[in-house]
Amino acid sequence: MSLVSTGDLVAQAAAEGRAVAAFNVITLEYAEAIIAGAEAADRPVILQISENAVRYHASKVEPLARAAAEVARLSRTDVALHLDHVTDVALLRQAADSGFSSAMYDAGALPFAENLEATAAAAQWAHAAGLWLEAELGYVGGKPDMPTSAHAAGVRTDPDEAADYVRRTGVDALAVAVGSSHAMTERSASLDHGLIERLHKAVPVPLVLHGSSGVRDEELRAAVRAGMTKINIGTALNVAFTTAVRRTLRDDPAMTDPRAYFSPARDAMASTVRDLLFAFDA
């Protein structure tokens, strides 16, 4: 077991009627925790680094990507490396050379015609570079540049439009808007499982659920049964990490060694990963 391609993990999950989880990586501790949790659950996993995370690291993608890939290579389970929510074409074009096997190109804030044109160009380039490409159609809530609620009328992904979009762009997977929102700290999102089923029937590529931290276990399981194949999770790890750090520093206010509070935070994230992996494919 070691570093594998995202496309292979997603294709295998789709063929078996299950899902593969993709967890956001912000620091090396996140990568270590995600892989520890995946090993405890004996499940494959995708490590994904977002454009926002790259920006946090002085807009340099390679150091964190190379570190995450090295942790993956030492893993006892299959791990893929994915560049997520890329809007900057220059960053997308660094993906292959930085060790990623896949990327998600996000033109979701653009009008449909512009989204289609930009994504088709991104997919053409990505495939020439040997990358698997995910895109998004519809509005998944929680993005600061698009304040509309994910539960408002007209923001869900239309199955017919999605099928046309995939055909014309040539993308390998599609993130769809079905009721989840990014950055939710409470698990209260209500998904439209009927819409997921219709999208699954209409769209010839695997479906991706963004904003899954705000979705309850039973809702995630139902989404997988309805046709979701890649499940993206980020905020749940941030909550686990921050809660553990606060608890440790509250118990010992004089503590100054970050290893002393990063260690329980990493363990908390690993437990969260393990529990989610067991939960949504139960």
Protein backbone atom coordinates (compact mmCIF):
# COMPACT_ATOMS: atom_id res chain seq x y z
CA MET A 1 0.00 0.00 0.00
CA SER A 2 1.28 3.48 -0.81
CA LEU A 3 0.66 6.52 -2.98
CA VAL A 4 -1.88 5.73 -5.72
CA SER A 5 -3.94 7.77 -8.17
CA THR A 6 -7.20 9.48 -7.27
CA GLY A 7 -8.79 8.24 -10.47
CA ASP A 8 -8.08 4.62 -9.55
CA LEU A 9 -9.51 5.01 -6.03
CA VAL A 10 -12.66 6.73 -7.29
CA ALA A 11 -13.17 4.27 -10.15
CA GLN A 12 -12.85 1.31 -7.81
CA ALA A 13 -15.28 2.83 -5.32
CA ALA A 14 -17.79 3.57 -8.11
CA ALA A 15 -17.54 0.02 -9.46
CA GLU A 16 -18.22 -1.37 -5.97
CA GLY A 17 -21.08 1.02 -5.17
CA ARG A 18 -19.29 2.66 -2.27
CA ALA A 19 -17.50 5.96 -1.65
CA VAL A 20 -13.97 7.12 -0.98
CA ALA A 21 -13.31 9.95 1.48
CA ALA A 22 -11.15 12.98 0.71
CA PHE A 23 -9.89 14.95 3.71
CA ASN A 24 -8.39 18.44 3.64
CA VAL A 25 -4.72 18.87 4.55
CA ILE A 26 -3.56 22.19 6.02
CA THR A 27 -0.33 21.18 7.78
CA LEU A 28 1.82 18.05 7.99
CA GLU A 29 -0.04 17.04 11.17
CA TYR A 30 -3.26 16.84 9.13
CA ALA A 31 -1.70 14.43 6.64
CA GLU A 32 -0.32 12.28 9.44
CA ALA A 33 -3.67 12.23 11.24
CA ILE A 34 -5.70 11.42 8.13
CA ILE A 35 -3.46 8.50 7.25
CA ALA A 36 -3.44 7.23 10.85
CA GLY A 37 -7.24 7.30 10.86
CA ALA A 38 -7.42 5.56 7.48
CA GLU A 39 -5.04 2.86 8.65
CA ALA A 40 -7.11 2.33 11.82
CA ALA A 41 -10.24 1.96 9.66
CA ASP A 42 -8.39 -0.07 6.99
CA ARG A 43 -9.78 2.18 4.25
CA PRO A 44 -8.17 3.99 1.31
CA VAL A 45 -8.21 7.77 1.52
CA ILE A 46 -7.53 10.91 -0.49
CA LEU A 47 -5.39 13.72 0.90
CA GLN A 48 -6.50 17.00 -0.63
CA ILE A 49 -4.73 20.33 -0.46
CA SER A 50 -6.85 23.33 -1.37
CA GLU A 51 -5.85 26.57 -3.05
CA ASN A 52 -6.60 28.27 0.29
CA ALA A 53 -4.11 25.97 2.05
CA VAL A 54 -1.49 26.73 -0.60
CA ARG A 55 -2.10 30.45 -0.07
CA TYR A 56 -1.58 29.93 3.69
CA HIS A 57 1.83 28.42 2.91
CA ALA A 58 3.06 31.58 1.15
CA SER A 59 1.43 30.43 -2.11
CA LYS A 60 4.01 27.64 -2.46
CA VAL A 61 2.34 24.33 -3.22
CA GLU A 62 5.30 21.98 -3.46
CA PRO A 63 6.59 21.84 0.16
CA LEU A 64 3.28 20.68 1.68
CA ALA A 65 2.46 18.48 -1.31
CA ARG A 66 5.82 16.72 -1.18
CA ALA A 67 5.54 16.21 2.59
CA ALA A 68 2.02 14.78 2.27
CA ALA A 69 3.12 12.49 -0.56
CA GLU A 70 6.00 11.16 1.52
CA VAL A 71 3.70 10.36 4.44
CA ALA A 72 1.40 8.60 1.95
CA ARG A 73 4.24 6.50 0.56
CA LEU A 74 4.91 5.13 4.05
CA SER A 75 1.26 4.30 4.66
CA ARG A 76 -0.21 0.84 5.19
CA THR A 77 -3.25 1.80 3.12
CA ASP A 78 -3.78 3.28 -0.33
CA VAL A 79 -3.56 7.08 -0.38
CA ALA A 80 -4.03 9.56 -3.23
CA LEU A 81 -3.02 13.22 -3.45
CA HIS A 82 -5.52 15.76 -4.83
CA LEU A 83 -5.29 19.54 -5.43
CA ASP A 84 -8.66 20.99 -4.46
CA HIS A 85 -10.79 24.05 -5.33
CA VAL A 86 -8.30 25.55 -7.77
CA THR A 87 -9.37 28.82 -9.40
CA ASP A 88 -5.85 29.93 -10.40
CA VAL A 89 -4.85 28.31 -13.69
CA ALA A 90 -1.17 28.91 -12.88
CA LEU A 91 -1.57 26.80 -9.72
CA LEU A 92 -3.42 24.08 -11.64
CA ARG A 93 -0.49 23.84 -14.02
CA GLN A 94 1.84 23.08 -11.09
CA ALA A 95 -0.22 20.06 -10.01
CA ALA A 96 1.48 17.26 -11.93
CA ASP A 97 5.00 18.46 -11.15
CA SER A 98 4.12 18.73 -7.45
CA GLY A 99 3.08 15.08 -7.12
CA PHE A 100 -0.71 15.34 -7.48
CA SER A 101 -2.58 12.76 -9.55
CA SER A 102 -5.74 14.88 -9.69
CA ALA A 103 -7.19 18.33 -9.22
CA MET A 104 -10.55 20.02 -8.80
CA TYR A 105 -10.88 23.07 -11.05
CA ASP A 106 -13.47 25.43 -9.57
CA ALA A 107 -15.17 27.75 -12.05
CA GLY A 108 -18.43 27.48 -10.12
CA ALA A 109 -18.69 31.22 -9.47
CA LEU A 110 -18.85 31.94 -13.21
CA PRO A 111 -22.00 32.03 -15.36
CA PHE A 112 -22.72 28.67 -16.97
CA ALA A 113 -21.25 29.42 -20.40
CA GLU A 114 -18.03 30.84 -18.94
CA ASN A 115 -17.77 27.99 -16.42
CA LEU A 116 -18.13 25.49 -19.26
CA GLU A 117 -15.52 27.14 -21.46
CA ALA A 118 -12.96 27.53 -18.67
CA THR A 119 -13.49 24.02 -17.36
CA ALA A 120 -13.26 22.43 -20.79
CA ALA A 121 -9.89 24.14 -21.30
CA ALA A 122 -8.74 23.00 -17.84
CA ALA A 123 -9.80 19.42 -18.54
CA GLN A 124 -8.02 19.36 -21.89
CA TRP A 125 -4.82 20.57 -20.26
CA ALA A 126 -5.16 18.24 -17.27
CA HIS A 127 -5.67 15.14 -19.38
CA ALA A 128 -2.65 16.02 -21.52
CA ALA A 129 -0.66 16.25 -18.28
CA GLY A 130 -1.98 12.91 -17.03
CA LEU A 131 -4.26 14.38 -14.37
CA TRP A 132 -7.80 13.32 -13.41
CA LEU A 133 -9.99 16.43 -13.18
CA GLU A 134 -13.02 17.20 -11.01
CA ALA A 135 -15.27 20.22 -11.53
CA GLU A 136 -18.35 21.73 -9.87
CA LEU A 137 -21.76 22.72 -11.18
CA GLY A 138 -24.35 24.38 -8.96
CA TYR A 139 -23.72 26.24 -5.72
CA VAL A 140 -22.42 24.41 -2.65
CA GLY A 141 -23.00 26.83 0.25
CA GLY A 142 -20.42 28.40 2.50
CA LYS A 143 -18.18 30.13 -0.05
CA PRO A 144 -17.43 33.75 0.86
CA ASP A 145 -17.67 34.95 -2.74
CA MET A 146 -21.17 33.52 -3.18
CA PRO A 147 -23.38 34.33 -0.18
CA THR A 148 -26.53 32.62 -1.48
CA SER A 149 -27.85 29.86 0.80
CA ALA A 150 -27.38 26.31 -0.46
CA HIS A 151 -31.03 25.78 0.44
CA ALA A 152 -32.37 28.65 -1.69
CA ALA A 153 -34.35 27.93 -4.85
CA GLY A 154 -32.33 27.65 -8.03
CA VAL A 155 -28.92 26.80 -6.58
CA ARG A 156 -29.15 23.00 -6.82
CA THR A 157 -27.53 21.17 -9.72
CA ASP A 158 -29.91 20.33 -12.56
CA PRO A 159 -29.44 16.74 -13.87
CA ASP A 160 -29.95 17.57 -17.55
CA GLU A 161 -27.63 20.57 -17.36
CA ALA A 162 -25.07 18.47 -15.47
CA ALA A 163 -25.10 15.75 -18.11
CA ASP A 164 -24.58 18.34 -20.86
CA TYR A 165 -21.82 20.03 -18.85
CA VAL A 166 -19.89 16.79 -18.34
CA ARG A 167 -20.25 15.84 -22.01
CA ARG A 168 -19.00 19.24 -23.20
CA THR A 169 -16.17 19.68 -20.69
CA GLY A 170 -14.86 16.11 -20.53
CA VAL A 171 -14.32 16.22 -16.76
CA ASP A 172 -13.75 12.98 -14.83
CA ALA A 173 -15.99 13.73 -11.82
CA LEU A 174 -18.58 16.31 -10.89
CA ALA A 175 -19.20 18.04 -7.56
CA VAL A 176 -22.90 18.79 -7.28
CA ALA A 177 -25.08 21.02 -5.14
CA VAL A 178 -27.61 18.89 -3.25
CA GLY A 179 -27.97 20.72 0.08
CA SER A 180 -24.59 20.62 1.82
CA SER A 181 -22.50 23.70 2.70
CA HIS A 182 -18.81 24.32 3.23
CA ALA A 183 -17.47 25.26 6.69
CA MET A 184 -20.39 23.89 8.72
CA THR A 185 -19.45 23.21 12.35
CA GLU A 186 -22.77 21.51 13.15
CA ARG A 187 -24.03 18.41 11.36
CA SER A 188 -27.44 19.75 10.40
CA ALA A 189 -27.44 19.79 6.58
CA SER A 190 -30.35 18.07 4.87
CA LEU A 191 -29.49 16.48 1.53
CA ASP A 192 -31.84 16.01 -1.41
CA HIS A 193 -31.41 12.26 -1.93
CA GLY A 194 -33.94 12.15 -4.76
CA LEU A 195 -31.86 14.71 -6.64
CA ILE A 196 -28.71 12.68 -5.98
CA GLU A 197 -30.40 9.64 -7.54
CA ARG A 198 -31.47 11.65 -10.59
CA LEU A 199 -27.99 13.10 -11.00
CA HIS A 200 -26.44 9.64 -10.65
CA LYS A 201 -28.66 8.34 -13.46
CA ALA A 202 -28.06 11.34 -15.72
CA VAL A 203 -24.34 12.01 -15.22
CA PRO A 204 -21.85 9.47 -16.65
CA VAL A 205 -19.01 10.30 -14.21
CA PRO A 206 -18.69 9.89 -10.42
CA LEU A 207 -20.46 12.43 -8.22
CA VAL A 208 -18.69 14.35 -5.45
CA LEU A 209 -20.21 15.71 -2.24
CA HIS A 210 -18.53 18.86 -0.93
CA GLY A 211 -19.26 20.29 2.51
CA SER A 212 -19.71 16.85 4.09
CA SER A 213 -18.62 17.91 7.60
CA GLY A 214 -22.11 19.32 8.11
CA VAL A 215 -23.86 16.08 7.14
CA ARG A 216 -24.93 13.46 9.68
CA ASP A 217 -23.75 9.84 9.40
CA GLU A 218 -27.13 8.51 8.28
CA GLU A 219 -27.41 11.25 5.65
CA LEU A 220 -23.93 10.41 4.33
CA ARG A 221 -24.80 6.72 4.12
CA ALA A 222 -27.99 7.54 2.23
CA ALA A 223 -26.05 9.83 -0.12
CA VAL A 224 -23.61 7.03 -0.93
CA ARG A 225 -26.48 4.62 -1.58
CA ALA A 226 -28.07 7.23 -3.88
CA GLY A 227 -24.89 7.60 -5.93
CA MET A 228 -22.22 9.76 -4.28
CA THR A 229 -18.71 8.38 -4.82
CA LYS A 230 -16.25 10.95 -3.43
CA ILE A 231 -17.00 12.52 -0.05
CA ASN A 232 -15.05 15.71 0.84
CA ILE A 233 -14.43 16.52 4.52
CA GLY A 234 -12.51 19.45 5.96
CA THR A 235 -14.13 21.44 8.76
CA ALA A 236 -14.65 18.36 10.95
CA LEU A 237 -10.87 18.03 11.22
CA ASN A 238 -10.47 21.71 12.08
CA VAL A 239 -13.04 21.36 14.87
CA ALA A 240 -11.29 18.27 16.27
CA PHE A 241 -7.86 19.92 16.09
CA THR A 242 -8.89 23.22 17.64
CA THR A 243 -10.99 21.64 20.39
CA ALA A 244 -8.06 19.47 21.45
CA VAL A 245 -5.60 22.38 21.44
CA ARG A 246 -7.94 24.53 23.53
CA ARG A 247 -8.47 21.72 26.03
CA THR A 248 -4.75 21.04 26.39
CA LEU A 249 -3.83 24.71 26.86
CA ARG A 250 -6.71 25.25 29.27
CA ASP A 251 -5.45 22.36 31.41
CA ASP A 252 -1.87 23.68 31.33
CA PRO A 253 -1.80 27.45 30.62
CA ALA A 254 1.98 27.55 31.07
CA MET A 255 2.61 25.11 28.22
CA THR A 256 4.80 26.53 25.45
CA ASP A 257 6.03 23.47 23.50
CA PRO A 258 3.74 23.13 20.46
CA ARG A 259 4.50 19.41 20.27
CA ALA A 260 2.69 18.98 23.57
CA TYR A 261 -0.58 20.36 22.19
CA PHE A 262 -0.19 19.36 18.55
CA SER A 263 0.11 15.70 19.53
CA PRO A 264 -3.36 15.37 21.14
CA ALA A 265 -4.79 17.52 18.35
CA ARG A 266 -3.35 15.15 15.75
CA ASP A 267 -4.76 12.18 17.67
CA ALA A 268 -8.19 13.85 17.80
CA MET A 269 -8.18 14.33 14.03
CA ALA A 270 -7.13 10.71 13.49
CA SER A 271 -10.06 9.54 15.63
CA THR A 272 -12.43 11.76 13.66
CA VAL A 273 -11.17 10.34 10.37
CA ARG A 274 -11.50 6.76 11.61
CA ASP A 275 -15.04 7.31 12.91
CA LEU A 276 -16.20 8.99 9.70
CA LEU A 277 -14.73 6.26 7.53
CA PHE A 278 -16.52 3.62 9.58
CA ALA A 279 -19.75 5.65 9.65
CA PHE A 280 -20.50 6.61 6.09
CA ASP A 281 -19.86 3.23 4.50
CA ALA A 282 -21.50 1.16 7.25
